[in-house]
Amino acid sequence: MPDKFIEMTAELHRYAVEHSRSDPALEALAAETEELGGVAVMQTAPEQAALITLLVRAIGAARALEVGTFTGYGAIAIARGLPAHGRLVTCDVSEEWTEIARRHWEQAGLADRIELRLGPALETLRSLAPDEPFDFAYIDADKESYPDYYEESLRLLRSGGLIMLDNVFLGGEVVDPDADRRAVQVMRELNDRIAADERVESAMLGISDGITLVLKL
């Protein structure tokens, strides 16, 4: 098949963001996060946040899981898609960054839907029982632990639930033969594993730094 894609220029990206549903709460949080400097690059992209909200709402999710909170942008996107009685469990190790998150969740009127678990995410995930399964999971944390996060999220997900994994392109390094750092090797192996995983259906999409959507069968 011929290549059927278009290069995402800065102009096209702005166009996509402008034509996705905006959220004043996310805009305010993005502005504050930008003041943190270089680490702000860890924030979820705005068009990706719009997709997250849409997917959470479309599948009727009431219980959601997030691995990697940072300043809470992704959590707001997820919580926006949940019903009033919905619940998001989000995991992070940074009190500094999640303090920003807590404040913006309150301002957005979503704090009652979000439960922050401070501590190593893998320990949190392993402490959760599958008898109350989740409908949606978003993985956006340390890349070398992605395989463990994926397996634990899959264990905790209901049949028909969705997982979104962020940064599966790693800035293009996954296809760079000269890129051999550990995180790249781990991501390549996981991308291959998910594509062949008979427990799920999956699609890798060229959104932001690459996302993979996984449907548990």
N, C-alpha and C. Protein backbone atom coordinates (compact mmCIF):
# COMPACT_ATOMS: atom_id res chain seq x y z
N MET A 1 0.84 -1.20 0.00
CA MET A 1 0.00 0.00 0.00
C MET A 1 0.87 1.24 0.00
N PRO A 2 0.44 2.29 -0.69
CA PRO A 2 1.20 3.54 -0.63
C PRO A 2 1.07 4.17 0.75
N ASP A 3 2.07 4.97 1.14
CA ASP A 3 1.98 5.69 2.40
C ASP A 3 0.77 6.61 2.38
N LYS A 4 0.01 6.60 3.45
CA LYS A 4 -1.19 7.43 3.51
C LYS A 4 -1.21 8.18 4.84
N PHE A 5 -0.37 9.20 4.92
CA PHE A 5 -0.31 10.03 6.12
C PHE A 5 0.22 11.39 5.72
N ILE A 6 0.06 12.34 6.60
CA ILE A 6 0.56 13.68 6.36
C ILE A 6 1.46 14.09 7.52
N GLU A 7 2.52 14.79 7.23
CA GLU A 7 3.43 15.24 8.27
C GLU A 7 2.72 16.24 9.18
N MET A 8 2.89 16.06 10.48
CA MET A 8 2.25 16.96 11.44
C MET A 8 3.15 18.18 11.66
N THR A 9 2.88 19.23 10.93
CA THR A 9 3.61 20.48 11.10
C THR A 9 3.07 21.24 12.31
N ALA A 10 3.80 22.27 12.73
CA ALA A 10 3.33 23.09 13.84
C ALA A 10 1.99 23.74 13.51
N GLU A 11 1.83 24.14 12.24
CA GLU A 11 0.57 24.78 11.83
C GLU A 11 -0.59 23.80 11.89
N LEU A 12 -0.36 22.58 11.41
CA LEU A 12 -1.42 21.57 11.46
C LEU A 12 -1.75 21.18 12.90
N HIS A 13 -0.72 21.13 13.74
CA HIS A 13 -0.97 20.79 15.14
C HIS A 13 -1.85 21.85 15.79
N ARG A 14 -1.53 23.11 15.57
CA ARG A 14 -2.36 24.19 16.12
C ARG A 14 -3.79 24.08 15.60
N TYR A 15 -3.94 23.74 14.33
CA TYR A 15 -5.26 23.60 13.72
C TYR A 15 -6.03 22.47 14.41
N ALA A 16 -5.34 21.34 14.66
CA ALA A 16 -5.99 20.21 15.33
C ALA A 16 -6.43 20.57 16.74
N VAL A 17 -5.55 21.29 17.45
CA VAL A 17 -5.89 21.69 18.82
C VAL A 17 -7.07 22.65 18.82
N GLU A 18 -7.06 23.59 17.89
CA GLU A 18 -8.15 24.57 17.81
C GLU A 18 -9.48 23.93 17.46
N HIS A 19 -9.44 22.76 16.80
CA HIS A 19 -10.67 22.10 16.39
C HIS A 19 -11.00 20.88 17.25
N SER A 20 -10.36 20.79 18.39
CA SER A 20 -10.73 19.82 19.41
C SER A 20 -11.41 20.58 20.55
N ARG A 21 -12.23 19.90 21.32
CA ARG A 21 -12.97 20.54 22.40
C ARG A 21 -12.00 21.14 23.42
N SER A 22 -12.13 22.41 23.69
CA SER A 22 -11.25 23.07 24.66
C SER A 22 -11.82 22.94 26.06
N ASP A 23 -10.97 23.13 27.06
CA ASP A 23 -11.36 23.02 28.45
C ASP A 23 -10.61 24.09 29.23
N PRO A 24 -11.29 25.09 29.76
CA PRO A 24 -10.60 26.16 30.50
C PRO A 24 -9.76 25.63 31.66
N ALA A 25 -10.20 24.56 32.31
CA ALA A 25 -9.43 24.00 33.42
C ALA A 25 -8.09 23.46 32.93
N LEU A 26 -8.10 22.81 31.77
CA LEU A 26 -6.86 22.29 31.22
C LEU A 26 -5.95 23.41 30.74
N GLU A 27 -6.55 24.44 30.18
CA GLU A 27 -5.74 25.57 29.72
C GLU A 27 -5.03 26.25 30.89
N ALA A 28 -5.73 26.43 32.00
CA ALA A 28 -5.12 27.03 33.18
C ALA A 28 -4.01 26.17 33.74
N LEU A 29 -4.23 24.87 33.78
CA LEU A 29 -3.21 23.95 34.29
C LEU A 29 -2.00 23.92 33.36
N ALA A 30 -2.23 23.93 32.05
CA ALA A 30 -1.13 23.93 31.09
C ALA A 30 -0.26 25.16 31.27
N ALA A 31 -0.88 26.30 31.51
CA ALA A 31 -0.12 27.54 31.69
C ALA A 31 0.78 27.45 32.93
N GLU A 32 0.25 26.90 34.02
CA GLU A 32 1.07 26.78 35.23
C GLU A 32 2.17 25.74 35.05
N THR A 33 1.84 24.64 34.40
CA THR A 33 2.83 23.58 34.18
C THR A 33 3.99 24.09 33.32
N GLU A 34 3.68 24.93 32.35
CA GLU A 34 4.72 25.47 31.47
C GLU A 34 5.77 26.25 32.26
N GLU A 35 5.35 26.84 33.37
CA GLU A 35 6.28 27.61 34.20
C GLU A 35 7.30 26.72 34.91
N LEU A 36 7.08 25.41 34.91
CA LEU A 36 8.03 24.49 35.54
C LEU A 36 9.29 24.30 34.70
N GLY A 37 9.25 24.74 33.45
CA GLY A 37 10.42 24.59 32.59
C GLY A 37 10.36 23.32 31.75
N GLY A 38 11.53 22.72 31.54
CA GLY A 38 11.64 21.59 30.61
C GLY A 38 10.79 20.39 30.94
N VAL A 39 10.49 20.17 32.22
CA VAL A 39 9.69 19.00 32.59
C VAL A 39 8.26 19.11 32.06
N ALA A 40 7.85 20.30 31.64
CA ALA A 40 6.48 20.48 31.14
C ALA A 40 6.21 19.62 29.92
N VAL A 41 7.28 19.14 29.26
CA VAL A 41 7.10 18.29 28.09
C VAL A 41 6.39 16.98 28.47
N MET A 42 6.39 16.64 29.74
CA MET A 42 5.73 15.40 30.18
C MET A 42 4.21 15.52 30.18
N GLN A 43 3.69 16.71 30.03
CA GLN A 43 2.24 16.90 30.05
C GLN A 43 1.59 16.28 28.82
N THR A 44 0.45 15.69 28.99
CA THR A 44 -0.34 15.13 27.89
C THR A 44 -0.68 16.22 26.88
N ALA A 45 -0.61 15.88 25.60
CA ALA A 45 -0.92 16.85 24.55
C ALA A 45 -2.41 17.19 24.57
N PRO A 46 -2.78 18.43 24.21
CA PRO A 46 -4.19 18.85 24.30
C PRO A 46 -5.13 18.04 23.41
N GLU A 47 -4.71 17.72 22.18
CA GLU A 47 -5.58 16.94 21.32
C GLU A 47 -5.73 15.51 21.83
N GLN A 48 -4.69 15.02 22.50
CA GLN A 48 -4.77 13.69 23.11
C GLN A 48 -5.72 13.71 24.30
N ALA A 49 -5.69 14.79 25.07
CA ALA A 49 -6.61 14.92 26.20
C ALA A 49 -8.05 14.92 25.73
N ALA A 50 -8.31 15.61 24.62
CA ALA A 50 -9.67 15.62 24.07
C ALA A 50 -10.10 14.22 23.67
N LEU A 51 -9.17 13.45 23.08
CA LEU A 51 -9.48 12.07 22.70
C LEU A 51 -9.75 11.21 23.93
N ILE A 52 -8.97 11.40 24.97
CA ILE A 52 -9.16 10.63 26.20
C ILE A 52 -10.56 10.86 26.76
N THR A 53 -10.96 12.11 26.88
CA THR A 53 -12.29 12.42 27.41
C THR A 53 -13.37 11.77 26.56
N LEU A 54 -13.21 11.87 25.25
CA LEU A 54 -14.19 11.29 24.33
C LEU A 54 -14.27 9.77 24.49
N LEU A 55 -13.12 9.10 24.58
CA LEU A 55 -13.10 7.64 24.69
C LEU A 55 -13.70 7.18 26.01
N VAL A 56 -13.33 7.85 27.10
CA VAL A 56 -13.86 7.48 28.42
C VAL A 56 -15.37 7.59 28.41
N ARG A 57 -15.88 8.67 27.84
CA ARG A 57 -17.33 8.86 27.79
C ARG A 57 -17.98 7.86 26.84
N ALA A 58 -17.33 7.59 25.70
CA ALA A 58 -17.92 6.72 24.68
C ALA A 58 -18.09 5.28 25.18
N ILE A 59 -17.15 4.80 26.00
CA ILE A 59 -17.26 3.42 26.48
C ILE A 59 -18.06 3.32 27.77
N GLY A 60 -18.57 4.45 28.24
CA GLY A 60 -19.37 4.45 29.45
C GLY A 60 -18.57 4.11 30.69
N ALA A 61 -17.32 4.52 30.72
CA ALA A 61 -16.45 4.19 31.85
C ALA A 61 -16.93 4.83 33.14
N ALA A 62 -16.89 4.07 34.22
CA ALA A 62 -17.21 4.59 35.54
C ALA A 62 -16.01 4.46 36.48
N ARG A 63 -15.10 3.54 36.16
CA ARG A 63 -13.88 3.35 36.95
C ARG A 63 -12.68 3.44 36.02
N ALA A 64 -11.75 4.32 36.36
CA ALA A 64 -10.58 4.54 35.51
C ALA A 64 -9.31 4.51 36.34
N LEU A 65 -8.21 4.25 35.65
CA LEU A 65 -6.91 4.09 36.29
C LEU A 65 -5.89 4.90 35.49
N GLU A 66 -5.01 5.61 36.19
CA GLU A 66 -3.96 6.36 35.51
C GLU A 66 -2.63 6.07 36.19
N VAL A 67 -1.62 5.76 35.38
CA VAL A 67 -0.27 5.51 35.88
C VAL A 67 0.60 6.68 35.43
N GLY A 68 0.91 7.56 36.37
CA GLY A 68 1.67 8.76 36.05
C GLY A 68 0.77 9.99 36.06
N THR A 69 0.73 10.69 37.18
CA THR A 69 -0.18 11.83 37.35
C THR A 69 0.42 13.13 36.86
N PHE A 70 1.71 13.35 37.18
CA PHE A 70 2.42 14.60 36.94
C PHE A 70 1.61 15.75 37.56
N THR A 71 1.24 16.79 36.80
CA THR A 71 0.50 17.91 37.38
C THR A 71 -1.01 17.78 37.19
N GLY A 72 -1.47 16.61 36.74
CA GLY A 72 -2.90 16.33 36.76
C GLY A 72 -3.68 16.61 35.50
N TYR A 73 -3.00 16.92 34.40
CA TYR A 73 -3.69 17.24 33.14
C TYR A 73 -4.47 16.03 32.61
N GLY A 74 -3.79 14.89 32.54
CA GLY A 74 -4.47 13.68 32.07
C GLY A 74 -5.62 13.28 32.98
N ALA A 75 -5.43 13.47 34.29
CA ALA A 75 -6.49 13.12 35.24
C ALA A 75 -7.74 13.94 35.00
N ILE A 76 -7.57 15.23 34.71
CA ILE A 76 -8.74 16.07 34.40
C ILE A 76 -9.42 15.57 33.15
N ALA A 77 -8.63 15.22 32.13
CA ALA A 77 -9.21 14.72 30.88
C ALA A 77 -10.01 13.45 31.11
N ILE A 78 -9.48 12.55 31.94
CA ILE A 78 -10.20 11.31 32.23
C ILE A 78 -11.45 11.61 33.05
N ALA A 79 -11.30 12.38 34.12
CA ALA A 79 -12.42 12.65 35.02
C ALA A 79 -13.56 13.37 34.31
N ARG A 80 -13.24 14.21 33.33
CA ARG A 80 -14.28 14.90 32.56
C ARG A 80 -15.20 13.92 31.85
N GLY A 81 -14.65 12.76 31.47
CA GLY A 81 -15.46 11.77 30.75
C GLY A 81 -16.24 10.84 31.64
N LEU A 82 -15.95 10.86 32.94
CA LEU A 82 -16.64 9.98 33.88
C LEU A 82 -17.98 10.57 34.30
N PRO A 83 -18.93 9.74 34.67
CA PRO A 83 -20.18 10.26 35.24
C PRO A 83 -19.92 10.83 36.62
N ALA A 84 -20.90 11.49 37.20
CA ALA A 84 -20.74 12.13 38.50
C ALA A 84 -20.32 11.15 39.59
N HIS A 85 -20.76 9.90 39.48
CA HIS A 85 -20.41 8.90 40.48
C HIS A 85 -19.12 8.16 40.12
N GLY A 86 -18.49 8.54 39.01
CA GLY A 86 -17.29 7.84 38.54
C GLY A 86 -16.10 8.05 39.46
N ARG A 87 -15.09 7.19 39.27
CA ARG A 87 -13.91 7.23 40.13
C ARG A 87 -12.66 6.98 39.31
N LEU A 88 -11.66 7.84 39.49
CA LEU A 88 -10.35 7.68 38.88
C LEU A 88 -9.32 7.45 39.98
N VAL A 89 -8.55 6.38 39.85
CA VAL A 89 -7.41 6.14 40.73
C VAL A 89 -6.16 6.50 39.93
N THR A 90 -5.39 7.47 40.42
CA THR A 90 -4.20 7.91 39.70
C THR A 90 -2.97 7.77 40.59
N CYS A 91 -1.86 7.36 39.99
CA CYS A 91 -0.66 6.98 40.74
C CYS A 91 0.53 7.87 40.39
N ASP A 92 1.26 8.32 41.41
CA ASP A 92 2.48 9.08 41.18
C ASP A 92 3.32 9.04 42.44
N VAL A 93 4.60 9.46 42.30
CA VAL A 93 5.50 9.47 43.45
C VAL A 93 5.87 10.88 43.90
N SER A 94 5.47 11.89 43.13
CA SER A 94 5.91 13.26 43.42
C SER A 94 4.85 14.05 44.18
N GLU A 95 5.16 14.43 45.40
CA GLU A 95 4.26 15.29 46.16
C GLU A 95 4.23 16.70 45.58
N GLU A 96 5.37 17.15 45.06
CA GLU A 96 5.47 18.51 44.52
C GLU A 96 4.55 18.69 43.32
N TRP A 97 4.65 17.78 42.35
CA TRP A 97 3.84 17.93 41.14
C TRP A 97 2.37 17.65 41.41
N THR A 98 2.09 16.66 42.25
CA THR A 98 0.68 16.32 42.49
C THR A 98 -0.01 17.35 43.38
N GLU A 99 0.75 18.16 44.09
CA GLU A 99 0.14 19.26 44.84
C GLU A 99 -0.48 20.26 43.86
N ILE A 100 0.20 20.50 42.75
CA ILE A 100 -0.37 21.34 41.68
C ILE A 100 -1.63 20.67 41.15
N ALA A 101 -1.56 19.38 40.94
CA ALA A 101 -2.70 18.63 40.42
C ALA A 101 -3.92 18.76 41.34
N ARG A 102 -3.72 18.54 42.63
CA ARG A 102 -4.84 18.59 43.58
C ARG A 102 -5.55 19.95 43.52
N ARG A 103 -4.75 21.00 43.46
CA ARG A 103 -5.33 22.34 43.44
C ARG A 103 -6.18 22.56 42.20
N HIS A 104 -5.72 22.10 41.06
CA HIS A 104 -6.47 22.28 39.82
C HIS A 104 -7.68 21.35 39.73
N TRP A 105 -7.59 20.18 40.36
CA TRP A 105 -8.77 19.31 40.41
C TRP A 105 -9.88 19.97 41.20
N GLU A 106 -9.51 20.60 42.29
CA GLU A 106 -10.49 21.33 43.10
C GLU A 106 -11.12 22.46 42.29
N GLN A 107 -10.29 23.23 41.62
CA GLN A 107 -10.80 24.36 40.83
C GLN A 107 -11.69 23.90 39.69
N ALA A 108 -11.42 22.71 39.16
CA ALA A 108 -12.22 22.17 38.06
C ALA A 108 -13.49 21.50 38.55
N GLY A 109 -13.65 21.35 39.87
CA GLY A 109 -14.83 20.69 40.42
C GLY A 109 -14.81 19.18 40.24
N LEU A 110 -13.61 18.61 40.14
CA LEU A 110 -13.48 17.18 39.85
C LEU A 110 -12.80 16.39 40.97
N ALA A 111 -12.44 17.06 42.05
CA ALA A 111 -11.67 16.41 43.11
C ALA A 111 -12.38 15.20 43.69
N ASP A 112 -13.70 15.24 43.72
CA ASP A 112 -14.44 14.12 44.32
C ASP A 112 -14.44 12.89 43.43
N ARG A 113 -13.99 13.01 42.19
CA ARG A 113 -13.92 11.85 41.30
C ARG A 113 -12.52 11.24 41.23
N ILE A 114 -11.53 11.92 41.85
CA ILE A 114 -10.14 11.53 41.67
C ILE A 114 -9.52 11.12 43.00
N GLU A 115 -8.95 9.93 43.03
CA GLU A 115 -8.24 9.42 44.20
C GLU A 115 -6.76 9.29 43.85
N LEU A 116 -5.92 10.08 44.48
CA LEU A 116 -4.48 10.04 44.24
C LEU A 116 -3.82 9.04 45.17
N ARG A 117 -3.04 8.14 44.60
CA ARG A 117 -2.25 7.19 45.38
C ARG A 117 -0.78 7.57 45.23
N LEU A 118 -0.19 8.12 46.28
CA LEU A 118 1.23 8.49 46.26
C LEU A 118 2.08 7.28 46.64
N GLY A 119 3.08 6.99 45.80
CA GLY A 119 3.95 5.85 46.04
C GLY A 119 4.28 5.19 44.72
N PRO A 120 5.19 4.23 44.71
CA PRO A 120 5.53 3.53 43.48
C PRO A 120 4.29 2.94 42.82
N ALA A 121 4.09 3.26 41.54
CA ALA A 121 2.85 2.87 40.86
C ALA A 121 2.68 1.36 40.81
N LEU A 122 3.77 0.64 40.62
CA LEU A 122 3.65 -0.81 40.51
C LEU A 122 3.14 -1.43 41.81
N GLU A 123 3.58 -0.88 42.94
CA GLU A 123 3.08 -1.36 44.22
C GLU A 123 1.59 -1.07 44.36
N THR A 124 1.18 0.11 43.91
CA THR A 124 -0.24 0.47 43.97
C THR A 124 -1.06 -0.47 43.11
N LEU A 125 -0.61 -0.71 41.88
CA LEU A 125 -1.36 -1.57 40.96
C LEU A 125 -1.48 -2.99 41.52
N ARG A 126 -0.40 -3.50 42.08
CA ARG A 126 -0.42 -4.87 42.61
C ARG A 126 -1.27 -5.00 43.86
N SER A 127 -1.54 -3.88 44.50
CA SER A 127 -2.38 -3.91 45.71
C SER A 127 -3.87 -3.90 45.37
N LEU A 128 -4.20 -3.60 44.11
CA LEU A 128 -5.60 -3.52 43.71
C LEU A 128 -6.13 -4.89 43.31
N ALA A 129 -7.35 -5.17 43.73
CA ALA A 129 -7.97 -6.46 43.43
C ALA A 129 -8.80 -6.38 42.16
N PRO A 130 -8.82 -7.44 41.36
CA PRO A 130 -9.58 -7.42 40.11
C PRO A 130 -11.08 -7.61 40.27
N ASP A 131 -11.56 -7.74 41.51
CA ASP A 131 -12.99 -7.96 41.69
C ASP A 131 -13.81 -6.69 41.48
N GLU A 132 -13.14 -5.54 41.41
CA GLU A 132 -13.78 -4.30 41.01
C GLU A 132 -13.03 -3.76 39.80
N PRO A 133 -13.29 -4.34 38.63
CA PRO A 133 -12.47 -4.03 37.46
C PRO A 133 -12.62 -2.60 36.97
N PHE A 134 -11.59 -2.13 36.29
CA PHE A 134 -11.59 -0.80 35.71
C PHE A 134 -12.06 -0.89 34.25
N ASP A 135 -12.57 0.25 33.77
CA ASP A 135 -13.06 0.33 32.40
C ASP A 135 -12.03 0.95 31.45
N PHE A 136 -11.15 1.79 32.02
CA PHE A 136 -10.19 2.54 31.21
C PHE A 136 -8.91 2.71 32.01
N ALA A 137 -7.76 2.58 31.33
CA ALA A 137 -6.47 2.81 31.97
C ALA A 137 -5.59 3.64 31.04
N TYR A 138 -4.87 4.58 31.63
CA TYR A 138 -3.95 5.44 30.88
C TYR A 138 -2.57 5.30 31.48
N ILE A 139 -1.60 4.87 30.67
CA ILE A 139 -0.24 4.63 31.13
C ILE A 139 0.67 5.69 30.54
N ASP A 140 1.27 6.50 31.42
CA ASP A 140 2.16 7.58 30.99
C ASP A 140 3.13 7.87 32.13
N ALA A 141 4.08 6.95 32.34
CA ALA A 141 5.02 7.08 33.45
C ALA A 141 6.40 6.61 32.98
N ASP A 142 7.23 6.14 33.90
CA ASP A 142 8.59 5.73 33.52
C ASP A 142 8.54 4.58 32.53
N LYS A 143 9.26 4.75 31.42
CA LYS A 143 9.09 3.85 30.28
C LYS A 143 9.63 2.45 30.53
N GLU A 144 10.68 2.32 31.34
CA GLU A 144 11.25 1.00 31.56
C GLU A 144 10.31 0.08 32.33
N SER A 145 9.32 0.67 33.01
CA SER A 145 8.35 -0.14 33.75
C SER A 145 7.07 -0.38 32.96
N TYR A 146 7.01 0.10 31.73
CA TYR A 146 5.79 -0.06 30.93
C TYR A 146 5.32 -1.51 30.82
N PRO A 147 6.19 -2.48 30.60
CA PRO A 147 5.69 -3.86 30.51
C PRO A 147 4.93 -4.30 31.76
N ASP A 148 5.45 -3.95 32.94
CA ASP A 148 4.76 -4.30 34.18
C ASP A 148 3.46 -3.52 34.33
N TYR A 149 3.48 -2.24 33.98
CA TYR A 149 2.26 -1.44 34.05
C TYR A 149 1.19 -2.00 33.11
N TYR A 150 1.62 -2.42 31.93
CA TYR A 150 0.68 -2.98 30.96
C TYR A 150 0.03 -4.25 31.50
N GLU A 151 0.85 -5.17 32.02
CA GLU A 151 0.31 -6.43 32.51
C GLU A 151 -0.62 -6.23 33.70
N GLU A 152 -0.25 -5.35 34.63
CA GLU A 152 -1.10 -5.11 35.78
C GLU A 152 -2.39 -4.40 35.39
N SER A 153 -2.31 -3.45 34.45
CA SER A 153 -3.52 -2.76 33.98
C SER A 153 -4.45 -3.73 33.28
N LEU A 154 -3.88 -4.62 32.49
CA LEU A 154 -4.69 -5.62 31.79
C LEU A 154 -5.37 -6.54 32.78
N ARG A 155 -4.66 -6.91 33.83
CA ARG A 155 -5.25 -7.76 34.88
C ARG A 155 -6.43 -7.09 35.54
N LEU A 156 -6.35 -5.80 35.71
CA LEU A 156 -7.38 -5.05 36.44
C LEU A 156 -8.52 -4.56 35.57
N LEU A 157 -8.39 -4.73 34.26
CA LEU A 157 -9.38 -4.21 33.32
C LEU A 157 -10.50 -5.22 33.07
N ARG A 158 -11.69 -4.71 32.87
CA ARG A 158 -12.80 -5.59 32.47
C ARG A 158 -12.67 -5.97 31.01
N SER A 159 -13.32 -7.04 30.60
CA SER A 159 -13.41 -7.37 29.19
C SER A 159 -14.13 -6.25 28.47
N GLY A 160 -13.59 -5.77 27.38
CA GLY A 160 -14.17 -4.65 26.66
C GLY A 160 -13.63 -3.31 27.12
N GLY A 161 -12.75 -3.32 28.14
CA GLY A 161 -12.13 -2.09 28.61
C GLY A 161 -10.97 -1.67 27.72
N LEU A 162 -10.56 -0.42 27.87
CA LEU A 162 -9.50 0.16 27.04
C LEU A 162 -8.30 0.57 27.86
N ILE A 163 -7.12 0.34 27.29
CA ILE A 163 -5.87 0.90 27.81
C ILE A 163 -5.31 1.84 26.75
N MET A 164 -4.83 3.02 27.18
CA MET A 164 -4.06 3.90 26.29
C MET A 164 -2.65 4.00 26.84
N LEU A 165 -1.67 3.67 26.01
CA LEU A 165 -0.27 3.82 26.37
C LEU A 165 0.30 5.01 25.62
N ASP A 166 0.96 5.91 26.33
CA ASP A 166 1.52 7.12 25.72
C ASP A 166 3.00 6.94 25.41
N ASN A 167 3.51 7.77 24.49
CA ASN A 167 4.94 7.84 24.15
C ASN A 167 5.49 6.55 23.57
N VAL A 168 4.69 5.84 22.79
CA VAL A 168 5.17 4.57 22.24
C VAL A 168 6.16 4.77 21.09
N PHE A 169 6.31 6.02 20.60
CA PHE A 169 7.32 6.30 19.58
C PHE A 169 8.66 6.73 20.20
N LEU A 170 8.62 7.21 21.44
CA LEU A 170 9.81 7.73 22.11
C LEU A 170 10.58 8.70 21.21
N GLY A 171 9.87 9.67 20.69
CA GLY A 171 10.50 10.68 19.87
C GLY A 171 11.08 10.13 18.57
N GLY A 172 10.60 8.99 18.12
CA GLY A 172 11.11 8.37 16.89
C GLY A 172 12.22 7.38 17.14
N GLU A 173 12.69 7.26 18.37
CA GLU A 173 13.82 6.37 18.66
C GLU A 173 13.49 4.89 18.44
N VAL A 174 12.21 4.52 18.50
CA VAL A 174 11.88 3.10 18.34
C VAL A 174 12.23 2.59 16.94
N VAL A 175 12.36 3.48 15.96
CA VAL A 175 12.73 3.05 14.60
C VAL A 175 14.13 3.50 14.23
N ASP A 176 14.87 4.02 15.19
CA ASP A 176 16.24 4.47 14.95
C ASP A 176 17.20 3.34 15.33
N PRO A 177 17.89 2.74 14.37
CA PRO A 177 18.77 1.60 14.69
C PRO A 177 19.93 1.97 15.60
N ASP A 178 20.25 3.24 15.70
CA ASP A 178 21.36 3.67 16.55
C ASP A 178 20.92 3.96 17.98
N ALA A 179 19.63 3.96 18.23
CA ALA A 179 19.10 4.24 19.57
C ALA A 179 19.07 2.93 20.35
N ASP A 180 19.89 2.82 21.37
CA ASP A 180 19.98 1.55 22.10
C ASP A 180 19.88 1.70 23.61
N ARG A 181 19.40 2.87 24.09
CA ARG A 181 19.25 2.99 25.54
C ARG A 181 18.15 2.03 26.01
N ARG A 182 18.19 1.73 27.30
CA ARG A 182 17.32 0.70 27.86
C ARG A 182 15.83 0.99 27.61
N ALA A 183 15.41 2.24 27.81
CA ALA A 183 14.00 2.57 27.64
C ALA A 183 13.52 2.29 26.22
N VAL A 184 14.38 2.53 25.23
CA VAL A 184 14.02 2.29 23.83
C VAL A 184 13.88 0.79 23.58
N GLN A 185 14.81 0.01 24.10
CA GLN A 185 14.74 -1.44 23.93
C GLN A 185 13.45 -1.99 24.55
N VAL A 186 13.13 -1.50 25.75
CA VAL A 186 11.92 -1.96 26.43
C VAL A 186 10.67 -1.60 25.63
N MET A 187 10.63 -0.38 25.11
CA MET A 187 9.45 0.05 24.37
C MET A 187 9.29 -0.74 23.07
N ARG A 188 10.38 -0.98 22.37
CA ARG A 188 10.30 -1.78 21.15
C ARG A 188 9.74 -3.17 21.44
N GLU A 189 10.28 -3.80 22.49
CA GLU A 189 9.83 -5.15 22.85
C GLU A 189 8.36 -5.15 23.23
N LEU A 190 7.93 -4.13 23.99
CA LEU A 190 6.53 -4.07 24.40
C LEU A 190 5.62 -3.81 23.20
N ASN A 191 6.02 -2.91 22.32
CA ASN A 191 5.22 -2.65 21.12
C ASN A 191 5.03 -3.92 20.31
N ASP A 192 6.10 -4.70 20.17
CA ASP A 192 6.00 -5.97 19.44
C ASP A 192 5.08 -6.94 20.18
N ARG A 193 5.21 -6.98 21.51
CA ARG A 193 4.41 -7.92 22.29
C ARG A 193 2.92 -7.60 22.19
N ILE A 194 2.58 -6.31 22.30
CA ILE A 194 1.17 -5.93 22.24
C ILE A 194 0.58 -6.24 20.87
N ALA A 195 1.35 -5.98 19.82
CA ALA A 195 0.86 -6.24 18.46
C ALA A 195 0.55 -7.72 18.25
N ALA A 196 1.23 -8.61 18.99
CA ALA A 196 1.02 -10.05 18.84
C ALA A 196 0.18 -10.64 19.98
N ASP A 197 -0.28 -9.83 20.91
CA ASP A 197 -0.98 -10.30 22.10
C ASP A 197 -2.40 -10.75 21.74
N GLU A 198 -2.68 -12.02 21.89
CA GLU A 198 -3.99 -12.56 21.51
C GLU A 198 -5.06 -12.27 22.55
N ARG A 199 -4.68 -11.67 23.66
CA ARG A 199 -5.67 -11.31 24.68
C ARG A 199 -6.36 -9.99 24.36
N VAL A 200 -5.84 -9.28 23.37
CA VAL A 200 -6.32 -7.93 23.10
C VAL A 200 -6.43 -7.67 21.60
N GLU A 201 -7.12 -6.58 21.27
CA GLU A 201 -7.02 -5.95 19.95
C GLU A 201 -6.35 -4.60 20.17
N SER A 202 -5.49 -4.19 19.24
CA SER A 202 -4.74 -2.96 19.47
C SER A 202 -4.58 -2.16 18.19
N ALA A 203 -4.36 -0.86 18.37
CA ALA A 203 -4.08 0.04 17.26
C ALA A 203 -3.07 1.07 17.75
N MET A 204 -1.97 1.22 16.99
CA MET A 204 -0.97 2.24 17.29
C MET A 204 -1.24 3.44 16.39
N LEU A 205 -1.34 4.62 17.01
CA LEU A 205 -1.74 5.82 16.29
C LEU A 205 -0.68 6.91 16.39
N GLY A 206 -0.52 7.68 15.32
CA GLY A 206 0.46 8.75 15.28
C GLY A 206 -0.05 10.03 15.88
N ILE A 207 -0.49 9.98 17.11
CA ILE A 207 -0.96 11.15 17.85
C ILE A 207 0.09 11.52 18.87
N SER A 208 0.45 12.80 18.93
CA SER A 208 1.47 13.27 19.85
C SER A 208 2.76 12.46 19.64
N ASP A 209 3.28 11.82 20.69
CA ASP A 209 4.49 11.00 20.57
C ASP A 209 4.15 9.53 20.36
N GLY A 210 2.98 9.30 19.75
CA GLY A 210 2.54 7.94 19.50
C GLY A 210 1.76 7.38 20.67
N ILE A 211 0.58 6.86 20.40
CA ILE A 211 -0.22 6.19 21.42
C ILE A 211 -0.65 4.82 20.90
N THR A 212 -0.82 3.90 21.80
CA THR A 212 -1.41 2.61 21.45
C THR A 212 -2.69 2.44 22.24
N LEU A 213 -3.76 2.11 21.55
CA LEU A 213 -5.03 1.78 22.18
C LEU A 213 -5.19 0.27 22.22
N VAL A 214 -5.52 -0.24 23.38
CA VAL A 214 -5.64 -1.70 23.59
C VAL A 214 -7.03 -2.01 24.11
N LEU A 215 -7.73 -2.89 23.42
CA LEU A 215 -9.05 -3.37 23.86
C LEU A 215 -8.90 -4.77 24.41
N LYS A 216 -9.26 -4.95 25.67
CA LYS A 216 -9.17 -6.27 26.29
C LYS A 216 -10.33 -7.14 25.81
N LEU A 217 -10.01 -8.31 25.30
CA LEU A 217 -11.05 -9.21 24.78
C LEU A 217 -11.69 -10.01 25.91
